Amino acid sequence: MVFPFVDQDVNFASIKKYVVGQAKDVGGKAAQQNYDNDTYMQRLAEIYLIYAEAELGNNASTMDGTALAYFNEVHKRAGLPEFAGPLTFDIIFKERILEFAMEASTWYDLVSLHYYNPTKAYSIINSQDRGFYAITPDQFPNPTSWTFEETSWATTNRFANANEGNFYLPIPAADAISAPNLRKEAVDYYSE
């Protein structure tokens, strides 16, 4: 559903996840980027993808049968054909982004990625067009397809400029004063 659709060059896509039916079935509670339901903290799909990523480890790829089976539980449930492999970080990462769309977990995946590959994390964020767009349904009120177009009036600042400052927060002054050791270099936990 497109909300509101008034034949202009800006409107919003309503997102309704985990709910079967139409907007009228949920008592009018669905709105732009919002729905009045609980957010799942961890789903079985996440456990499956965590397993696949753990099996991959620091390797470039894996053909582990269990990792592929778990990955395919998520992949095929979305109506996609079985993935034969090999699994790579990029494939698993993309599956996570698609599976958990609109669940506000992508940021946490990017933070995890930033720990060992900050350049890639910045690249993912900085390559996204974050400008406004217009969504035009093929028919209204029950569309079967949509066309997405950049708005004609918002052409600047469409791309972010993510850097280290977006991932690390400074230690608050009050905490640094009361606990000065916070400013010291980290100590290897296992060497003490």
N, C-alpha and C. Protein backbone atom coordinates (compact mmCIF):
# COMPACT_ATOMS: atom_id res chain seq x y z
N MET A 1 0.83 -1.17 0.00
CA MET A 1 0.00 0.00 0.00
C MET A 1 0.88 1.24 0.00
N VAL A 2 0.49 2.25 -0.73
CA VAL A 2 1.20 3.51 -0.74
C VAL A 2 0.37 4.51 0.04
N PHE A 3 1.04 5.22 0.93
CA PHE A 3 0.32 6.14 1.80
C PHE A 3 1.01 7.48 1.84
N PRO A 4 0.37 8.60 1.70
CA PRO A 4 -0.89 8.70 0.96
C PRO A 4 -0.58 8.77 -0.52
N PHE A 5 -1.45 8.30 -1.37
CA PHE A 5 -1.24 8.42 -2.81
C PHE A 5 -2.18 9.50 -3.33
N VAL A 6 -1.60 10.62 -3.67
CA VAL A 6 -2.41 11.74 -4.18
C VAL A 6 -1.80 12.28 -5.46
N ASP A 7 -1.14 11.41 -6.22
CA ASP A 7 -0.57 11.78 -7.51
C ASP A 7 0.45 12.91 -7.41
N GLN A 8 1.30 12.86 -6.42
CA GLN A 8 2.35 13.85 -6.28
C GLN A 8 3.69 13.16 -6.35
N ASP A 9 4.79 13.95 -6.23
CA ASP A 9 6.08 13.29 -6.38
C ASP A 9 6.71 12.93 -5.05
N VAL A 10 5.94 12.86 -3.99
CA VAL A 10 6.44 12.30 -2.75
C VAL A 10 5.30 11.59 -2.03
N ASN A 11 5.55 10.40 -1.59
CA ASN A 11 4.61 9.62 -0.80
C ASN A 11 5.42 8.56 -0.09
N PHE A 12 4.81 7.74 0.69
CA PHE A 12 5.56 6.81 1.51
C PHE A 12 5.00 5.40 1.38
N ALA A 13 5.89 4.43 1.47
CA ALA A 13 5.47 3.04 1.47
C ALA A 13 5.16 2.64 2.89
N SER A 14 3.99 2.09 3.11
CA SER A 14 3.65 1.58 4.43
C SER A 14 4.23 0.18 4.57
N ILE A 15 4.86 -0.06 5.68
CA ILE A 15 5.48 -1.36 5.93
C ILE A 15 4.65 -2.08 6.99
N LYS A 16 4.27 -3.30 6.68
CA LYS A 16 3.51 -4.10 7.63
C LYS A 16 4.15 -5.48 7.62
N LYS A 17 4.89 -5.78 8.69
CA LYS A 17 5.62 -7.04 8.74
C LYS A 17 5.01 -7.92 9.83
N TYR A 18 4.98 -9.21 9.60
CA TYR A 18 4.43 -10.20 10.52
C TYR A 18 2.92 -10.10 10.65
N VAL A 19 2.25 -9.41 9.77
CA VAL A 19 0.80 -9.27 9.86
C VAL A 19 0.21 -9.77 8.55
N VAL A 20 -0.74 -10.65 8.64
CA VAL A 20 -1.40 -11.16 7.46
C VAL A 20 -2.67 -10.36 7.24
N GLY A 21 -2.89 -9.93 6.03
CA GLY A 21 -4.10 -9.19 5.71
C GLY A 21 -3.78 -7.81 5.18
N GLN A 22 -4.80 -6.96 5.17
CA GLN A 22 -4.65 -5.61 4.65
C GLN A 22 -4.64 -4.61 5.80
N ALA A 23 -4.36 -3.34 5.47
CA ALA A 23 -4.28 -2.31 6.50
C ALA A 23 -5.56 -2.22 7.32
N LYS A 24 -6.69 -2.40 6.66
CA LYS A 24 -7.96 -2.30 7.38
C LYS A 24 -8.11 -3.43 8.41
N ASP A 25 -7.34 -4.52 8.24
CA ASP A 25 -7.43 -5.65 9.16
C ASP A 25 -6.73 -5.40 10.48
N VAL A 26 -5.91 -4.36 10.56
CA VAL A 26 -5.14 -4.11 11.77
C VAL A 26 -5.61 -2.87 12.51
N GLY A 27 -6.84 -2.52 12.32
CA GLY A 27 -7.45 -1.44 13.07
C GLY A 27 -6.85 -0.07 12.82
N GLY A 28 -6.28 0.15 11.64
CA GLY A 28 -5.73 1.45 11.30
C GLY A 28 -4.45 1.79 12.02
N LYS A 29 -3.79 0.81 12.64
CA LYS A 29 -2.58 1.10 13.42
C LYS A 29 -1.32 1.15 12.58
N ALA A 30 -1.32 0.65 11.35
CA ALA A 30 -0.14 0.70 10.50
C ALA A 30 0.03 2.11 9.97
N ALA A 31 1.26 2.60 9.94
CA ALA A 31 1.57 3.92 9.42
C ALA A 31 2.96 3.89 8.82
N GLN A 32 3.38 5.01 8.27
CA GLN A 32 4.70 5.09 7.66
C GLN A 32 5.77 4.74 8.68
N GLN A 33 6.58 3.72 8.37
CA GLN A 33 7.69 3.27 9.20
C GLN A 33 7.26 2.88 10.61
N ASN A 34 6.04 2.45 10.80
CA ASN A 34 5.56 2.16 12.15
C ASN A 34 4.45 1.13 12.10
N TYR A 35 4.48 0.23 13.06
CA TYR A 35 3.36 -0.66 13.28
C TYR A 35 3.32 -1.00 14.75
N ASP A 36 2.15 -1.06 15.30
CA ASP A 36 1.95 -1.23 16.73
C ASP A 36 2.05 -2.70 17.15
N ASN A 37 3.20 -3.33 16.91
CA ASN A 37 3.40 -4.69 17.38
C ASN A 37 4.79 -4.82 17.99
N ASP A 38 5.02 -5.89 18.69
CA ASP A 38 6.31 -6.11 19.34
C ASP A 38 7.39 -6.44 18.31
N THR A 39 8.60 -6.09 18.62
CA THR A 39 9.74 -6.41 17.78
C THR A 39 10.39 -7.67 18.32
N TYR A 40 10.58 -8.63 17.45
CA TYR A 40 11.23 -9.86 17.87
C TYR A 40 12.70 -9.58 18.13
N MET A 41 13.22 -10.04 19.24
CA MET A 41 14.62 -9.81 19.58
C MET A 41 15.53 -10.78 18.84
N GLN A 42 15.08 -11.98 18.63
CA GLN A 42 15.86 -12.95 17.87
C GLN A 42 14.91 -13.98 17.30
N ARG A 43 15.10 -14.25 16.02
CA ARG A 43 14.24 -15.22 15.36
C ARG A 43 15.08 -16.42 14.92
N LEU A 44 14.40 -17.51 14.60
CA LEU A 44 15.09 -18.71 14.16
C LEU A 44 15.93 -18.42 12.92
N ALA A 45 15.42 -17.58 12.02
CA ALA A 45 16.19 -17.22 10.82
C ALA A 45 17.53 -16.60 11.21
N GLU A 46 17.54 -15.80 12.28
CA GLU A 46 18.79 -15.20 12.70
C GLU A 46 19.76 -16.25 13.23
N ILE A 47 19.25 -17.21 13.98
CA ILE A 47 20.10 -18.29 14.49
C ILE A 47 20.71 -19.06 13.32
N TYR A 48 19.90 -19.35 12.30
CA TYR A 48 20.42 -20.06 11.13
C TYR A 48 21.53 -19.28 10.43
N LEU A 49 21.34 -17.98 10.25
CA LEU A 49 22.34 -17.17 9.57
C LEU A 49 23.58 -16.95 10.43
N ILE A 50 23.40 -16.86 11.75
CA ILE A 50 24.55 -16.77 12.66
C ILE A 50 25.37 -18.05 12.55
N TYR A 51 24.70 -19.20 12.49
CA TYR A 51 25.43 -20.47 12.35
C TYR A 51 26.25 -20.46 11.05
N ALA A 52 25.62 -20.05 9.95
CA ALA A 52 26.32 -20.05 8.66
C ALA A 52 27.54 -19.13 8.72
N GLU A 53 27.37 -17.96 9.34
CA GLU A 53 28.49 -17.03 9.44
C GLU A 53 29.58 -17.57 10.36
N ALA A 54 29.20 -18.22 11.44
CA ALA A 54 30.18 -18.80 12.36
C ALA A 54 30.95 -19.93 11.67
N GLU A 55 30.26 -20.73 10.89
CA GLU A 55 30.92 -21.82 10.16
C GLU A 55 31.89 -21.25 9.13
N LEU A 56 31.51 -20.13 8.51
CA LEU A 56 32.40 -19.46 7.56
C LEU A 56 33.66 -18.98 8.27
N GLY A 57 33.48 -18.41 9.47
CA GLY A 57 34.62 -17.93 10.25
C GLY A 57 35.43 -16.91 9.48
N ASN A 58 36.75 -17.07 9.49
CA ASN A 58 37.65 -16.17 8.77
C ASN A 58 37.99 -16.67 7.38
N ASN A 59 37.31 -17.71 6.93
CA ASN A 59 37.57 -18.26 5.60
C ASN A 59 36.88 -17.42 4.53
N ALA A 60 37.37 -17.52 3.32
CA ALA A 60 36.77 -16.78 2.20
C ALA A 60 35.41 -17.37 1.83
N SER A 61 35.25 -18.68 2.00
CA SER A 61 33.99 -19.32 1.65
C SER A 61 33.88 -20.65 2.40
N THR A 62 32.68 -21.21 2.38
CA THR A 62 32.46 -22.52 2.98
C THR A 62 31.42 -23.29 2.17
N MET A 63 31.59 -24.59 2.14
CA MET A 63 30.62 -25.49 1.52
C MET A 63 30.06 -26.43 2.59
N ASP A 64 30.21 -26.06 3.87
CA ASP A 64 29.73 -26.89 4.96
C ASP A 64 28.25 -27.21 4.75
N GLY A 65 27.91 -28.48 4.81
CA GLY A 65 26.55 -28.92 4.53
C GLY A 65 25.51 -28.36 5.50
N THR A 66 25.84 -28.31 6.78
CA THR A 66 24.89 -27.78 7.77
C THR A 66 24.69 -26.29 7.57
N ALA A 67 25.78 -25.56 7.32
CA ALA A 67 25.67 -24.11 7.08
C ALA A 67 24.81 -23.84 5.86
N LEU A 68 25.03 -24.60 4.79
CA LEU A 68 24.21 -24.43 3.58
C LEU A 68 22.75 -24.79 3.84
N ALA A 69 22.51 -25.84 4.60
CA ALA A 69 21.14 -26.25 4.90
C ALA A 69 20.42 -25.17 5.69
N TYR A 70 21.09 -24.62 6.70
CA TYR A 70 20.48 -23.56 7.51
C TYR A 70 20.27 -22.29 6.68
N PHE A 71 21.25 -21.94 5.88
CA PHE A 71 21.11 -20.77 5.01
C PHE A 71 19.90 -20.95 4.10
N ASN A 72 19.77 -22.15 3.53
CA ASN A 72 18.66 -22.40 2.60
C ASN A 72 17.30 -22.44 3.28
N GLU A 73 17.25 -22.75 4.58
CA GLU A 73 15.98 -22.67 5.30
C GLU A 73 15.42 -21.25 5.23
N VAL A 74 16.31 -20.28 5.34
CA VAL A 74 15.91 -18.87 5.28
C VAL A 74 15.68 -18.47 3.83
N HIS A 75 16.59 -18.81 2.97
CA HIS A 75 16.57 -18.40 1.56
C HIS A 75 15.34 -18.95 0.83
N LYS A 76 15.08 -20.23 0.98
CA LYS A 76 13.97 -20.86 0.26
C LYS A 76 12.61 -20.46 0.81
N ARG A 77 12.55 -20.12 2.11
CA ARG A 77 11.28 -19.70 2.70
C ARG A 77 10.75 -18.44 2.02
N ALA A 78 11.66 -17.64 1.47
CA ALA A 78 11.28 -16.42 0.76
C ALA A 78 10.87 -16.70 -0.68
N GLY A 79 10.79 -17.99 -1.03
CA GLY A 79 10.36 -18.35 -2.37
C GLY A 79 11.50 -18.39 -3.39
N LEU A 80 12.73 -18.36 -2.91
CA LEU A 80 13.88 -18.39 -3.81
C LEU A 80 14.38 -19.81 -4.00
N PRO A 81 15.06 -20.07 -5.10
CA PRO A 81 15.57 -21.43 -5.32
C PRO A 81 16.70 -21.76 -4.34
N GLU A 82 16.94 -23.03 -4.17
CA GLU A 82 18.02 -23.46 -3.27
C GLU A 82 19.35 -22.89 -3.72
N PHE A 83 20.13 -22.42 -2.77
CA PHE A 83 21.46 -21.88 -3.04
C PHE A 83 22.44 -23.02 -2.88
N ALA A 84 23.22 -23.30 -3.94
CA ALA A 84 24.12 -24.45 -3.93
C ALA A 84 25.48 -24.14 -3.33
N GLY A 85 25.81 -22.87 -3.17
CA GLY A 85 27.08 -22.50 -2.55
C GLY A 85 28.13 -22.16 -3.57
N PRO A 86 29.29 -21.80 -3.12
CA PRO A 86 29.71 -21.70 -1.72
C PRO A 86 29.18 -20.44 -1.05
N LEU A 87 29.08 -20.50 0.28
CA LEU A 87 28.68 -19.34 1.07
C LEU A 87 29.89 -18.45 1.31
N THR A 88 29.70 -17.15 1.14
CA THR A 88 30.74 -16.17 1.43
C THR A 88 30.15 -15.15 2.41
N PHE A 89 30.99 -14.31 2.96
CA PHE A 89 30.50 -13.27 3.87
C PHE A 89 29.48 -12.40 3.15
N ASP A 90 29.77 -11.98 1.93
CA ASP A 90 28.87 -11.08 1.21
C ASP A 90 27.50 -11.71 0.98
N ILE A 91 27.46 -12.98 0.69
CA ILE A 91 26.19 -13.68 0.45
C ILE A 91 25.38 -13.76 1.75
N ILE A 92 26.03 -14.12 2.83
CA ILE A 92 25.33 -14.22 4.13
C ILE A 92 24.88 -12.84 4.59
N PHE A 93 25.74 -11.83 4.42
CA PHE A 93 25.42 -10.46 4.83
C PHE A 93 24.19 -9.95 4.06
N LYS A 94 24.17 -10.17 2.75
CA LYS A 94 23.03 -9.74 1.94
C LYS A 94 21.75 -10.45 2.38
N GLU A 95 21.85 -11.73 2.67
CA GLU A 95 20.67 -12.48 3.12
C GLU A 95 20.15 -11.89 4.43
N ARG A 96 21.04 -11.50 5.33
CA ARG A 96 20.64 -10.88 6.60
C ARG A 96 19.91 -9.56 6.33
N ILE A 97 20.46 -8.74 5.44
CA ILE A 97 19.86 -7.45 5.13
C ILE A 97 18.44 -7.65 4.57
N LEU A 98 18.29 -8.59 3.68
CA LEU A 98 16.97 -8.84 3.09
C LEU A 98 16.00 -9.47 4.09
N GLU A 99 16.49 -10.44 4.84
CA GLU A 99 15.62 -11.14 5.80
C GLU A 99 15.13 -10.22 6.90
N PHE A 100 15.99 -9.33 7.37
CA PHE A 100 15.63 -8.49 8.52
C PHE A 100 15.29 -7.06 8.11
N ALA A 101 14.90 -6.89 6.85
CA ALA A 101 14.50 -5.56 6.38
C ALA A 101 13.39 -5.02 7.27
N MET A 102 13.49 -3.76 7.62
CA MET A 102 12.51 -3.04 8.44
C MET A 102 12.47 -3.52 9.88
N GLU A 103 13.48 -4.25 10.34
CA GLU A 103 13.53 -4.68 11.72
C GLU A 103 14.61 -3.94 12.51
N ALA A 104 15.23 -2.95 11.90
CA ALA A 104 16.22 -2.11 12.55
C ALA A 104 17.43 -2.89 13.06
N SER A 105 17.84 -3.92 12.34
CA SER A 105 19.02 -4.68 12.77
C SER A 105 20.22 -4.46 11.86
N THR A 106 20.03 -3.84 10.71
CA THR A 106 21.14 -3.64 9.78
C THR A 106 22.24 -2.80 10.41
N TRP A 107 21.87 -1.81 11.22
CA TRP A 107 22.89 -0.99 11.85
C TRP A 107 23.83 -1.85 12.70
N TYR A 108 23.28 -2.79 13.44
CA TYR A 108 24.10 -3.65 14.29
C TYR A 108 25.02 -4.54 13.46
N ASP A 109 24.53 -4.99 12.30
CA ASP A 109 25.39 -5.76 11.40
C ASP A 109 26.53 -4.90 10.86
N LEU A 110 26.23 -3.64 10.55
CA LEU A 110 27.27 -2.73 10.07
C LEU A 110 28.29 -2.42 11.17
N VAL A 111 27.84 -2.29 12.41
CA VAL A 111 28.76 -2.06 13.52
C VAL A 111 29.68 -3.27 13.69
N SER A 112 29.13 -4.47 13.62
CA SER A 112 29.96 -5.68 13.71
C SER A 112 30.98 -5.72 12.56
N LEU A 113 30.53 -5.41 11.36
CA LEU A 113 31.42 -5.38 10.21
C LEU A 113 32.52 -4.34 10.41
N HIS A 114 32.19 -3.21 10.99
CA HIS A 114 33.14 -2.12 11.18
C HIS A 114 34.32 -2.53 12.06
N TYR A 115 34.13 -3.45 12.98
CA TYR A 115 35.22 -3.89 13.84
C TYR A 115 36.38 -4.49 13.05
N TYR A 116 36.07 -5.23 11.99
CA TYR A 116 37.15 -5.87 11.26
C TYR A 116 37.31 -5.40 9.82
N ASN A 117 36.36 -4.63 9.30
CA ASN A 117 36.51 -4.09 7.95
C ASN A 117 35.79 -2.75 7.86
N PRO A 118 36.33 -1.72 8.51
CA PRO A 118 35.65 -0.42 8.51
C PRO A 118 35.45 0.16 7.12
N THR A 119 36.40 -0.05 6.23
CA THR A 119 36.28 0.50 4.87
C THR A 119 35.04 -0.05 4.17
N LYS A 120 34.79 -1.34 4.35
CA LYS A 120 33.61 -1.95 3.72
C LYS A 120 32.33 -1.40 4.35
N ALA A 121 32.31 -1.22 5.67
CA ALA A 121 31.13 -0.66 6.33
C ALA A 121 30.84 0.74 5.82
N TYR A 122 31.88 1.58 5.70
CA TYR A 122 31.68 2.93 5.17
C TYR A 122 31.17 2.88 3.74
N SER A 123 31.73 1.99 2.95
CA SER A 123 31.35 1.87 1.54
C SER A 123 29.87 1.50 1.39
N ILE A 124 29.41 0.56 2.20
CA ILE A 124 28.00 0.15 2.13
C ILE A 124 27.09 1.33 2.43
N ILE A 125 27.40 2.06 3.48
CA ILE A 125 26.56 3.20 3.87
C ILE A 125 26.66 4.32 2.84
N ASN A 126 27.89 4.66 2.43
CA ASN A 126 28.09 5.81 1.55
C ASN A 126 27.60 5.59 0.13
N SER A 127 27.37 4.35 -0.26
CA SER A 127 26.90 4.08 -1.62
C SER A 127 25.37 4.04 -1.71
N GLN A 128 24.69 4.18 -0.59
CA GLN A 128 23.22 4.13 -0.59
C GLN A 128 22.64 5.50 -0.91
N ASP A 129 21.74 5.55 -1.86
CA ASP A 129 21.00 6.77 -2.17
C ASP A 129 19.93 6.92 -1.10
N ARG A 130 20.08 7.92 -0.24
CA ARG A 130 19.17 8.11 0.89
C ARG A 130 18.21 9.27 0.65
N GLY A 131 18.06 9.66 -0.59
CA GLY A 131 17.17 10.77 -0.91
C GLY A 131 15.71 10.34 -0.90
N PHE A 132 14.85 11.30 -1.08
CA PHE A 132 13.43 11.01 -1.15
C PHE A 132 13.08 10.39 -2.49
N TYR A 133 12.00 9.66 -2.52
CA TYR A 133 11.55 8.99 -3.73
C TYR A 133 10.03 9.02 -3.77
N ALA A 134 9.53 8.82 -4.95
CA ALA A 134 8.08 8.73 -5.13
C ALA A 134 7.75 7.31 -5.57
N ILE A 135 6.68 6.79 -5.06
CA ILE A 135 6.23 5.44 -5.40
C ILE A 135 4.91 5.57 -6.14
N THR A 136 4.86 5.04 -7.33
CA THR A 136 3.63 5.11 -8.12
C THR A 136 3.11 3.69 -8.33
N PRO A 137 1.90 3.41 -7.84
CA PRO A 137 1.33 2.07 -8.04
C PRO A 137 0.79 1.93 -9.46
N ASP A 138 0.73 0.69 -9.95
CA ASP A 138 0.16 0.47 -11.28
C ASP A 138 -1.35 0.64 -11.28
N GLN A 139 -1.96 0.42 -10.14
CA GLN A 139 -3.40 0.65 -9.98
C GLN A 139 -3.66 0.95 -8.52
N PHE A 140 -4.76 1.60 -8.26
CA PHE A 140 -5.05 1.99 -6.88
C PHE A 140 -6.52 1.71 -6.60
N PRO A 141 -6.90 1.10 -5.51
CA PRO A 141 -6.15 0.95 -4.28
C PRO A 141 -5.46 -0.39 -4.10
N ASN A 142 -5.54 -1.32 -5.02
CA ASN A 142 -4.92 -2.64 -4.85
C ASN A 142 -3.83 -2.87 -5.89
N PRO A 143 -2.65 -2.25 -5.71
CA PRO A 143 -1.59 -2.37 -6.70
C PRO A 143 -0.97 -3.76 -6.73
N THR A 144 -0.41 -4.09 -7.89
CA THR A 144 0.33 -5.34 -8.04
C THR A 144 1.80 -5.08 -8.34
N SER A 145 2.13 -3.84 -8.69
CA SER A 145 3.53 -3.47 -8.90
C SER A 145 3.66 -1.96 -8.67
N TRP A 146 4.91 -1.53 -8.46
CA TRP A 146 5.16 -0.13 -8.14
C TRP A 146 6.37 0.35 -8.93
N THR A 147 6.39 1.65 -9.23
CA THR A 147 7.54 2.28 -9.85
C THR A 147 8.14 3.26 -8.84
N PHE A 148 9.46 3.18 -8.63
CA PHE A 148 10.16 4.06 -7.71
C PHE A 148 10.97 5.07 -8.52
N GLU A 149 10.80 6.36 -8.19
CA GLU A 149 11.55 7.41 -8.88
C GLU A 149 12.06 8.41 -7.86
N GLU A 150 13.28 8.94 -8.13
CA GLU A 150 13.79 10.00 -7.27
C GLU A 150 12.88 11.21 -7.38
N THR A 151 12.71 11.91 -6.27
CA THR A 151 11.89 13.12 -6.33
C THR A 151 12.61 14.20 -7.13
N SER A 152 11.84 15.06 -7.74
CA SER A 152 12.43 16.12 -8.56
C SER A 152 12.95 17.27 -7.70
N TRP A 153 12.51 17.37 -6.47
CA TRP A 153 12.82 18.53 -5.64
C TRP A 153 13.89 18.28 -4.59
N ALA A 154 14.34 17.07 -4.37
CA ALA A 154 15.38 16.80 -3.37
C ALA A 154 16.57 16.15 -4.06
N THR A 155 17.51 16.97 -4.53
CA THR A 155 18.62 16.43 -5.31
C THR A 155 19.96 16.57 -4.61
N THR A 156 20.02 17.25 -3.47
CA THR A 156 21.30 17.40 -2.76
C THR A 156 21.31 16.52 -1.52
N ASN A 157 22.50 16.23 -1.05
CA ASN A 157 22.71 15.44 0.16
C ASN A 157 22.00 14.08 0.12
N ARG A 158 22.03 13.44 -1.02
CA ARG A 158 21.38 12.14 -1.15
C ARG A 158 22.23 11.02 -0.58
N PHE A 159 23.53 11.27 -0.41
CA PHE A 159 24.44 10.23 0.05
C PHE A 159 25.08 10.62 1.37
N ALA A 160 25.26 9.65 2.23
CA ALA A 160 25.90 9.88 3.53
C ALA A 160 27.41 9.95 3.35
N ASN A 161 28.08 10.40 4.36
CA ASN A 161 29.54 10.41 4.39
C ASN A 161 29.98 9.76 5.70
N ALA A 162 29.73 8.46 5.82
CA ALA A 162 30.04 7.72 7.04
C ALA A 162 31.55 7.63 7.23
N ASN A 163 31.97 7.71 8.48
CA ASN A 163 33.38 7.59 8.82
C ASN A 163 33.47 7.07 10.25
N GLU A 164 34.68 7.01 10.78
CA GLU A 164 34.89 6.46 12.12
C GLU A 164 34.03 7.17 13.18
N GLY A 165 33.81 8.46 13.00
CA GLY A 165 33.02 9.23 13.96
C GLY A 165 31.59 8.76 14.08
N ASN A 166 31.09 8.03 13.09
CA ASN A 166 29.73 7.50 13.16
C ASN A 166 29.67 6.20 13.96
N PHE A 167 30.81 5.61 14.23
CA PHE A 167 30.83 4.32 14.91
C PHE A 167 31.38 4.38 16.33
N TYR A 168 32.16 5.39 16.63
CA TYR A 168 32.73 5.52 17.96
C TYR A 168 32.24 6.80 18.62
N LEU A 169 31.74 6.67 19.82
CA LEU A 169 31.30 7.84 20.58
C LEU A 169 32.37 8.21 21.59
N PRO A 170 32.58 9.50 21.80
CA PRO A 170 33.57 9.88 22.81
C PRO A 170 33.09 9.52 24.21
N ILE A 171 34.05 9.33 25.11
CA ILE A 171 33.70 9.06 26.51
C ILE A 171 33.19 10.36 27.12
N PRO A 172 32.02 10.35 27.73
CA PRO A 172 31.49 11.59 28.33
C PRO A 172 32.47 12.15 29.37
N ALA A 173 32.58 13.46 29.43
CA ALA A 173 33.54 14.12 30.32
C ALA A 173 33.33 13.71 31.77
N ALA A 174 32.10 13.63 32.24
CA ALA A 174 31.83 13.26 33.63
C ALA A 174 32.37 11.87 33.94
N ASP A 175 32.23 10.94 32.99
CA ASP A 175 32.74 9.58 33.20
C ASP A 175 34.27 9.55 33.16
N ALA A 176 34.85 10.32 32.25
CA ALA A 176 36.31 10.35 32.15
C ALA A 176 36.95 10.95 33.41
N ILE A 177 36.27 11.91 34.03
CA ILE A 177 36.80 12.52 35.25
C ILE A 177 36.68 11.56 36.43
N SER A 178 35.54 10.91 36.55
CA SER A 178 35.33 10.01 37.70
C SER A 178 36.04 8.66 37.52
N ALA A 179 36.36 8.29 36.31
CA ALA A 179 37.06 7.02 36.05
C ALA A 179 38.15 7.27 35.01
N PRO A 180 39.26 7.88 35.39
CA PRO A 180 40.30 8.27 34.43
C PRO A 180 40.90 7.10 33.65
N ASN A 181 40.80 5.89 34.17
CA ASN A 181 41.35 4.74 33.45
C ASN A 181 40.60 4.48 32.13
N LEU A 182 39.42 5.04 31.98
CA LEU A 182 38.68 4.88 30.73
C LEU A 182 39.44 5.46 29.54
N ARG A 183 40.30 6.44 29.79
CA ARG A 183 41.05 7.09 28.70
C ARG A 183 42.33 6.33 28.34
N LYS A 184 42.70 5.35 29.13
CA LYS A 184 43.92 4.59 28.86
C LYS A 184 43.65 3.57 27.74
N GLU A 185 44.73 3.13 27.14
CA GLU A 185 44.62 2.10 26.10
C GLU A 185 44.06 0.82 26.72
N ALA A 186 43.31 0.08 25.95
CA ALA A 186 42.74 -1.18 26.42
C ALA A 186 43.85 -2.17 26.74
N VAL A 187 43.61 -3.00 27.73
CA VAL A 187 44.58 -4.02 28.15
C VAL A 187 44.06 -5.36 27.65
N ASP A 188 44.97 -6.17 27.13
CA ASP A 188 44.59 -7.50 26.66
C ASP A 188 44.06 -8.31 27.85
N TYR A 189 42.85 -8.72 27.77
CA TYR A 189 42.18 -9.43 28.86
C TYR A 189 42.94 -10.69 29.26
N TYR A 190 43.50 -11.40 28.30
CA TYR A 190 44.12 -12.68 28.58
C TYR A 190 45.56 -12.57 29.04
N SER A 191 46.17 -11.38 28.93
CA SER A 191 47.58 -11.26 29.31
C SER A 191 47.74 -10.90 30.78
N GLU A 192 46.71 -10.54 31.47
CA GLU A 192 46.80 -10.13 32.88
C GLU A 192 46.66 -11.31 33.80
